[in-house]
């Protein structure tokens, strides 16, 4: 993964315009923001952060991962419905879809 692929589109554009010689005021004007915002975007783009989960090969959403982990520990859908503030039927559908995603991986 190259350095620019790990960045969000707005970060790539801000950095590209900064490298082209535009100052923070002009970049901010083009985005309808302030100069401070532009400086902050450039700073945050320079920080290291982990790759998104879809890049690491993890196909499950955090909800699906947690649900499967608690189900493997023996928790039932009724018990988990309070934790997730969702119905037991919804959680059963999420679990079924998560297992399908893992089976097709």
N, C-alpha and C. Protein backbone atom coordinates (compact mmCIF):
# COMPACT_ATOMS: atom_id res chain seq x y z
N UNK A 1 0.85 -1.17 0.00
CA UNK A 1 0.00 0.00 0.00
C UNK A 1 0.89 1.24 0.00
N UNK A 2 0.70 2.13 -0.96
CA UNK A 2 1.52 3.33 -1.02
C UNK A 2 1.05 4.34 0.01
N UNK A 3 1.85 5.35 0.22
CA UNK A 3 1.51 6.36 1.22
C UNK A 3 0.20 7.06 0.90
N UNK A 4 -0.05 7.35 -0.36
CA UNK A 4 -1.27 8.08 -0.68
C UNK A 4 -2.52 7.20 -0.65
N UNK A 5 -2.37 5.90 -0.82
CA UNK A 5 -3.54 5.01 -0.78
C UNK A 5 -4.13 4.91 0.61
N UNK A 6 -3.32 5.12 1.64
CA UNK A 6 -3.83 5.02 3.00
C UNK A 6 -4.59 6.28 3.41
N UNK A 7 -4.49 7.34 2.61
CA UNK A 7 -5.13 8.61 2.93
C UNK A 7 -6.54 8.69 2.39
N UNK A 8 -7.33 9.54 3.02
CA UNK A 8 -8.67 9.81 2.54
C UNK A 8 -8.57 10.75 1.34
N UNK A 9 -9.60 10.76 0.49
CA UNK A 9 -9.55 11.63 -0.69
C UNK A 9 -9.28 13.09 -0.38
N UNK A 10 -9.88 13.62 0.68
CA UNK A 10 -9.67 15.03 1.01
C UNK A 10 -8.21 15.27 1.42
N UNK A 11 -7.62 14.31 2.12
CA UNK A 11 -6.22 14.46 2.52
C UNK A 11 -5.31 14.42 1.31
N UNK A 12 -5.60 13.52 0.37
CA UNK A 12 -4.79 13.45 -0.85
C UNK A 12 -4.86 14.75 -1.63
N UNK A 13 -6.05 15.32 -1.75
CA UNK A 13 -6.20 16.57 -2.51
C UNK A 13 -5.49 17.73 -1.83
N UNK A 14 -5.62 17.84 -0.51
CA UNK A 14 -4.94 18.93 0.21
C UNK A 14 -3.43 18.81 0.03
N UNK A 15 -2.89 17.60 0.17
CA UNK A 15 -1.45 17.42 0.01
C UNK A 15 -1.00 17.68 -1.42
N UNK A 16 -1.80 17.27 -2.38
CA UNK A 16 -1.45 17.49 -3.79
C UNK A 16 -1.41 19.00 -4.10
N UNK A 17 -2.40 19.75 -3.59
CA UNK A 17 -2.41 21.20 -3.83
C UNK A 17 -1.28 21.89 -3.08
N UNK A 18 -0.95 21.39 -1.88
CA UNK A 18 0.17 21.99 -1.14
C UNK A 18 1.48 21.74 -1.87
N UNK A 19 1.65 20.55 -2.45
CA UNK A 19 2.87 20.26 -3.21
C UNK A 19 2.92 21.06 -4.51
N UNK A 20 1.76 21.44 -5.03
CA UNK A 20 1.70 22.24 -6.26
C UNK A 20 2.01 23.70 -5.98
N UNK A 21 2.16 24.06 -4.71
CA UNK A 21 2.56 25.42 -4.37
C UNK A 21 1.45 26.30 -3.84
N UNK A 22 0.25 25.77 -3.68
CA UNK A 22 -0.84 26.59 -3.13
C UNK A 22 -0.63 26.76 -1.63
N UNK A 23 -0.94 27.95 -1.13
CA UNK A 23 -0.80 28.18 0.31
C UNK A 23 -2.08 27.72 1.02
N UNK A 24 -2.01 27.67 2.35
CA UNK A 24 -3.14 27.18 3.15
C UNK A 24 -4.40 28.01 2.93
N UNK A 25 -4.24 29.31 2.74
CA UNK A 25 -5.41 30.17 2.54
C UNK A 25 -6.15 29.82 1.25
N UNK A 26 -5.43 29.56 0.18
CA UNK A 26 -6.07 29.22 -1.10
C UNK A 26 -6.72 27.84 -1.02
N UNK A 27 -6.06 26.88 -0.39
CA UNK A 27 -6.63 25.54 -0.24
C UNK A 27 -7.91 25.62 0.60
N UNK A 28 -7.84 26.38 1.67
CA UNK A 28 -9.00 26.54 2.54
C UNK A 28 -10.15 27.20 1.79
N UNK A 29 -9.86 28.19 0.95
CA UNK A 29 -10.90 28.86 0.18
C UNK A 29 -11.57 27.88 -0.76
N UNK A 30 -10.80 27.01 -1.39
CA UNK A 30 -11.36 26.04 -2.33
C UNK A 30 -12.27 25.03 -1.64
N UNK A 31 -11.98 24.72 -0.38
CA UNK A 31 -12.81 23.79 0.38
C UNK A 31 -13.90 24.49 1.17
N UNK A 32 -13.87 25.81 1.22
CA UNK A 32 -14.83 26.54 2.02
C UNK A 32 -14.56 26.40 3.50
N UNK A 33 -13.30 26.29 3.86
CA UNK A 33 -12.88 26.11 5.25
C UNK A 33 -11.90 27.21 5.63
N UNK A 34 -11.33 27.09 6.83
CA UNK A 34 -10.34 28.04 7.29
C UNK A 34 -8.93 27.52 7.11
N UNK A 35 -7.97 28.42 7.24
CA UNK A 35 -6.56 28.03 7.10
C UNK A 35 -6.15 27.02 8.16
N UNK A 36 -6.71 27.17 9.36
CA UNK A 36 -6.37 26.25 10.44
C UNK A 36 -6.79 24.82 10.09
N UNK A 37 -7.95 24.67 9.42
CA UNK A 37 -8.42 23.36 9.00
C UNK A 37 -7.43 22.72 8.02
N UNK A 38 -6.94 23.51 7.08
CA UNK A 38 -5.99 23.01 6.10
C UNK A 38 -4.72 22.53 6.78
N UNK A 39 -4.22 23.32 7.72
CA UNK A 39 -3.00 22.93 8.44
C UNK A 39 -3.24 21.65 9.24
N UNK A 40 -4.43 21.53 9.82
CA UNK A 40 -4.73 20.33 10.61
C UNK A 40 -4.83 19.10 9.71
N UNK A 41 -5.43 19.23 8.54
CA UNK A 41 -5.53 18.11 7.61
C UNK A 41 -4.13 17.66 7.19
N UNK A 42 -3.26 18.60 6.87
CA UNK A 42 -1.89 18.24 6.48
C UNK A 42 -1.17 17.54 7.62
N UNK A 43 -1.36 18.03 8.86
CA UNK A 43 -0.72 17.40 10.01
C UNK A 43 -1.25 15.99 10.23
N UNK A 44 -2.56 15.82 10.23
CA UNK A 44 -3.14 14.51 10.49
C UNK A 44 -2.81 13.51 9.38
N UNK A 45 -2.66 13.98 8.16
CA UNK A 45 -2.29 13.09 7.06
C UNK A 45 -0.88 12.55 7.24
N UNK A 46 -0.05 13.27 7.98
CA UNK A 46 1.33 12.83 8.18
C UNK A 46 1.46 11.79 9.30
N UNK A 47 0.43 11.61 10.11
CA UNK A 47 0.48 10.65 11.22
C UNK A 47 0.31 9.23 10.71
N UNK A 48 0.96 8.29 11.39
CA UNK A 48 0.77 6.88 11.07
C UNK A 48 -0.53 6.40 11.68
N UNK A 49 -1.27 5.61 10.94
CA UNK A 49 -2.47 4.99 11.47
C UNK A 49 -2.63 3.63 10.80
N UNK A 50 -3.31 2.72 11.47
CA UNK A 50 -3.45 1.38 10.89
C UNK A 50 -4.28 1.42 9.62
N UNK A 51 -4.06 0.45 8.79
CA UNK A 51 -4.84 0.34 7.55
C UNK A 51 -6.28 0.02 7.90
N UNK A 52 -7.22 0.45 7.09
CA UNK A 52 -8.62 0.10 7.35
C UNK A 52 -8.80 -1.41 7.36
N UNK A 53 -9.83 -1.86 8.08
CA UNK A 53 -10.00 -3.31 8.24
C UNK A 53 -10.23 -4.01 6.92
N UNK A 54 -10.86 -3.34 5.94
CA UNK A 54 -11.10 -4.02 4.68
C UNK A 54 -9.79 -4.24 3.92
N UNK A 55 -8.75 -3.47 4.22
CA UNK A 55 -7.45 -3.66 3.59
C UNK A 55 -6.73 -4.84 4.25
N UNK A 56 -6.94 -5.01 5.55
CA UNK A 56 -6.29 -6.11 6.27
C UNK A 56 -6.93 -7.45 5.95
N UNK A 57 -8.02 -7.46 5.24
CA UNK A 57 -8.66 -8.71 4.89
C UNK A 57 -9.79 -9.09 5.82
N UNK A 58 -10.14 -8.24 6.76
CA UNK A 58 -11.23 -8.51 7.67
C UNK A 58 -12.54 -8.08 7.01
N UNK A 59 -13.39 -9.04 6.72
CA UNK A 59 -14.62 -8.74 6.00
C UNK A 59 -15.77 -8.40 6.93
N UNK A 60 -15.61 -8.61 8.23
CA UNK A 60 -16.71 -8.40 9.17
C UNK A 60 -16.69 -7.00 9.76
N UNK A 61 -17.89 -6.51 10.01
CA UNK A 61 -18.02 -5.22 10.70
C UNK A 61 -17.80 -5.44 12.20
N UNK A 62 -17.49 -4.38 12.94
CA UNK A 62 -17.29 -4.55 14.39
C UNK A 62 -18.49 -5.20 15.08
N UNK A 63 -19.69 -4.83 14.68
CA UNK A 63 -20.90 -5.44 15.25
C UNK A 63 -20.90 -6.94 15.03
N UNK A 64 -20.57 -7.37 13.83
CA UNK A 64 -20.56 -8.79 13.51
C UNK A 64 -19.47 -9.53 14.29
N UNK A 65 -18.29 -8.92 14.40
CA UNK A 65 -17.21 -9.57 15.15
C UNK A 65 -17.59 -9.76 16.62
N UNK A 66 -18.14 -8.72 17.23
CA UNK A 66 -18.53 -8.81 18.64
C UNK A 66 -19.64 -9.83 18.84
N UNK A 67 -20.63 -9.79 17.95
CA UNK A 67 -21.74 -10.72 18.07
C UNK A 67 -21.27 -12.17 17.98
N UNK A 68 -20.42 -12.46 17.01
CA UNK A 68 -19.91 -13.83 16.87
C UNK A 68 -19.08 -14.24 18.07
N UNK A 69 -18.27 -13.32 18.58
CA UNK A 69 -17.44 -13.65 19.74
C UNK A 69 -18.31 -13.99 20.95
N UNK A 70 -19.35 -13.19 21.23
CA UNK A 70 -20.21 -13.47 22.37
C UNK A 70 -21.06 -14.71 22.16
N UNK A 71 -21.46 -14.97 20.92
CA UNK A 71 -22.22 -16.19 20.65
C UNK A 71 -21.36 -17.42 20.88
N UNK A 72 -20.07 -17.35 20.51
CA UNK A 72 -19.15 -18.47 20.74
C UNK A 72 -18.93 -18.71 22.23
N UNK A 73 -19.11 -17.66 23.04
CA UNK A 73 -18.97 -17.80 24.49
C UNK A 73 -20.26 -18.28 25.14
N UNK A 74 -21.29 -18.50 24.32
CA UNK A 74 -22.52 -19.09 24.83
C UNK A 74 -23.66 -18.13 25.08
N UNK A 75 -23.52 -16.87 24.79
CA UNK A 75 -24.59 -15.90 25.01
C UNK A 75 -25.68 -16.09 23.97
N UNK A 76 -26.92 -15.96 24.39
CA UNK A 76 -28.05 -16.11 23.48
C UNK A 76 -28.45 -14.79 22.87
N UNK A 77 -29.27 -14.87 21.82
CA UNK A 77 -29.73 -13.65 21.15
C UNK A 77 -30.56 -12.76 22.07
N UNK A 78 -31.39 -13.38 22.90
CA UNK A 78 -32.21 -12.60 23.84
C UNK A 78 -31.33 -11.83 24.82
N UNK A 79 -30.30 -12.49 25.33
CA UNK A 79 -29.38 -11.85 26.28
C UNK A 79 -28.63 -10.70 25.61
N UNK A 80 -28.20 -10.91 24.38
CA UNK A 80 -27.41 -9.89 23.67
C UNK A 80 -28.26 -8.74 23.15
N UNK A 81 -29.56 -8.95 23.01
CA UNK A 81 -30.40 -7.89 22.46
C UNK A 81 -30.36 -6.63 23.34
N UNK A 82 -30.23 -6.81 24.64
CA UNK A 82 -30.12 -5.65 25.53
C UNK A 82 -28.80 -4.92 25.36
N UNK A 83 -27.73 -5.66 25.14
CA UNK A 83 -26.41 -5.03 24.96
C UNK A 83 -26.36 -4.21 23.68
N UNK A 84 -26.96 -4.73 22.62
CA UNK A 84 -26.91 -4.06 21.33
C UNK A 84 -28.09 -3.11 21.11
N UNK A 85 -29.07 -3.19 22.00
CA UNK A 85 -30.30 -2.39 21.84
C UNK A 85 -30.97 -2.69 20.50
N UNK A 86 -30.99 -3.95 20.16
CA UNK A 86 -31.63 -4.45 18.94
C UNK A 86 -32.42 -5.70 19.31
N UNK A 87 -33.35 -6.07 18.47
CA UNK A 87 -34.17 -7.25 18.74
C UNK A 87 -33.33 -8.52 18.54
N UNK A 88 -33.81 -9.58 19.16
CA UNK A 88 -33.14 -10.87 19.02
C UNK A 88 -33.20 -11.35 17.57
N UNK A 89 -34.30 -11.05 16.88
CA UNK A 89 -34.42 -11.44 15.47
C UNK A 89 -33.39 -10.72 14.61
N UNK A 90 -33.17 -9.43 14.88
CA UNK A 90 -32.17 -8.67 14.14
C UNK A 90 -30.79 -9.29 14.34
N UNK A 91 -30.46 -9.61 15.59
CA UNK A 91 -29.15 -10.19 15.88
C UNK A 91 -28.98 -11.55 15.21
N UNK A 92 -30.05 -12.32 15.13
CA UNK A 92 -29.98 -13.62 14.45
C UNK A 92 -29.68 -13.41 12.96
N UNK A 93 -30.30 -12.38 12.35
CA UNK A 93 -30.03 -12.10 10.94
C UNK A 93 -28.60 -11.62 10.73
N UNK A 94 -28.11 -10.78 11.63
CA UNK A 94 -26.73 -10.30 11.54
C UNK A 94 -25.76 -11.46 11.67
N UNK A 95 -26.02 -12.35 12.61
CA UNK A 95 -25.14 -13.51 12.79
C UNK A 95 -25.15 -14.40 11.56
N UNK A 96 -26.33 -14.64 11.01
CA UNK A 96 -26.42 -15.47 9.81
C UNK A 96 -25.63 -14.86 8.66
N UNK A 97 -25.76 -13.56 8.47
CA UNK A 97 -25.04 -12.89 7.39
C UNK A 97 -23.52 -12.91 7.63
N UNK A 98 -23.11 -12.72 8.89
CA UNK A 98 -21.67 -12.76 9.21
C UNK A 98 -21.08 -14.13 8.93
N UNK A 99 -21.82 -15.16 9.29
CA UNK A 99 -21.33 -16.52 9.01
C UNK A 99 -21.28 -16.79 7.50
N UNK A 100 -22.23 -16.25 6.78
CA UNK A 100 -22.21 -16.37 5.31
C UNK A 100 -20.98 -15.69 4.74
N UNK A 101 -20.68 -14.46 5.23
CA UNK A 101 -19.51 -13.74 4.75
C UNK A 101 -18.23 -14.51 5.02
N UNK A 102 -18.15 -15.15 6.17
CA UNK A 102 -16.95 -15.93 6.50
C UNK A 102 -16.86 -17.19 5.64
N UNK A 103 -17.99 -17.77 5.31
CA UNK A 103 -17.98 -18.98 4.50
C UNK A 103 -17.59 -18.71 3.06
N UNK A 104 -17.87 -17.53 2.55
CA UNK A 104 -17.56 -17.20 1.17
C UNK A 104 -16.19 -16.56 1.02
N UNK A 105 -15.50 -16.37 2.13
CA UNK A 105 -14.19 -15.71 2.06
C UNK A 105 -13.13 -16.58 1.43
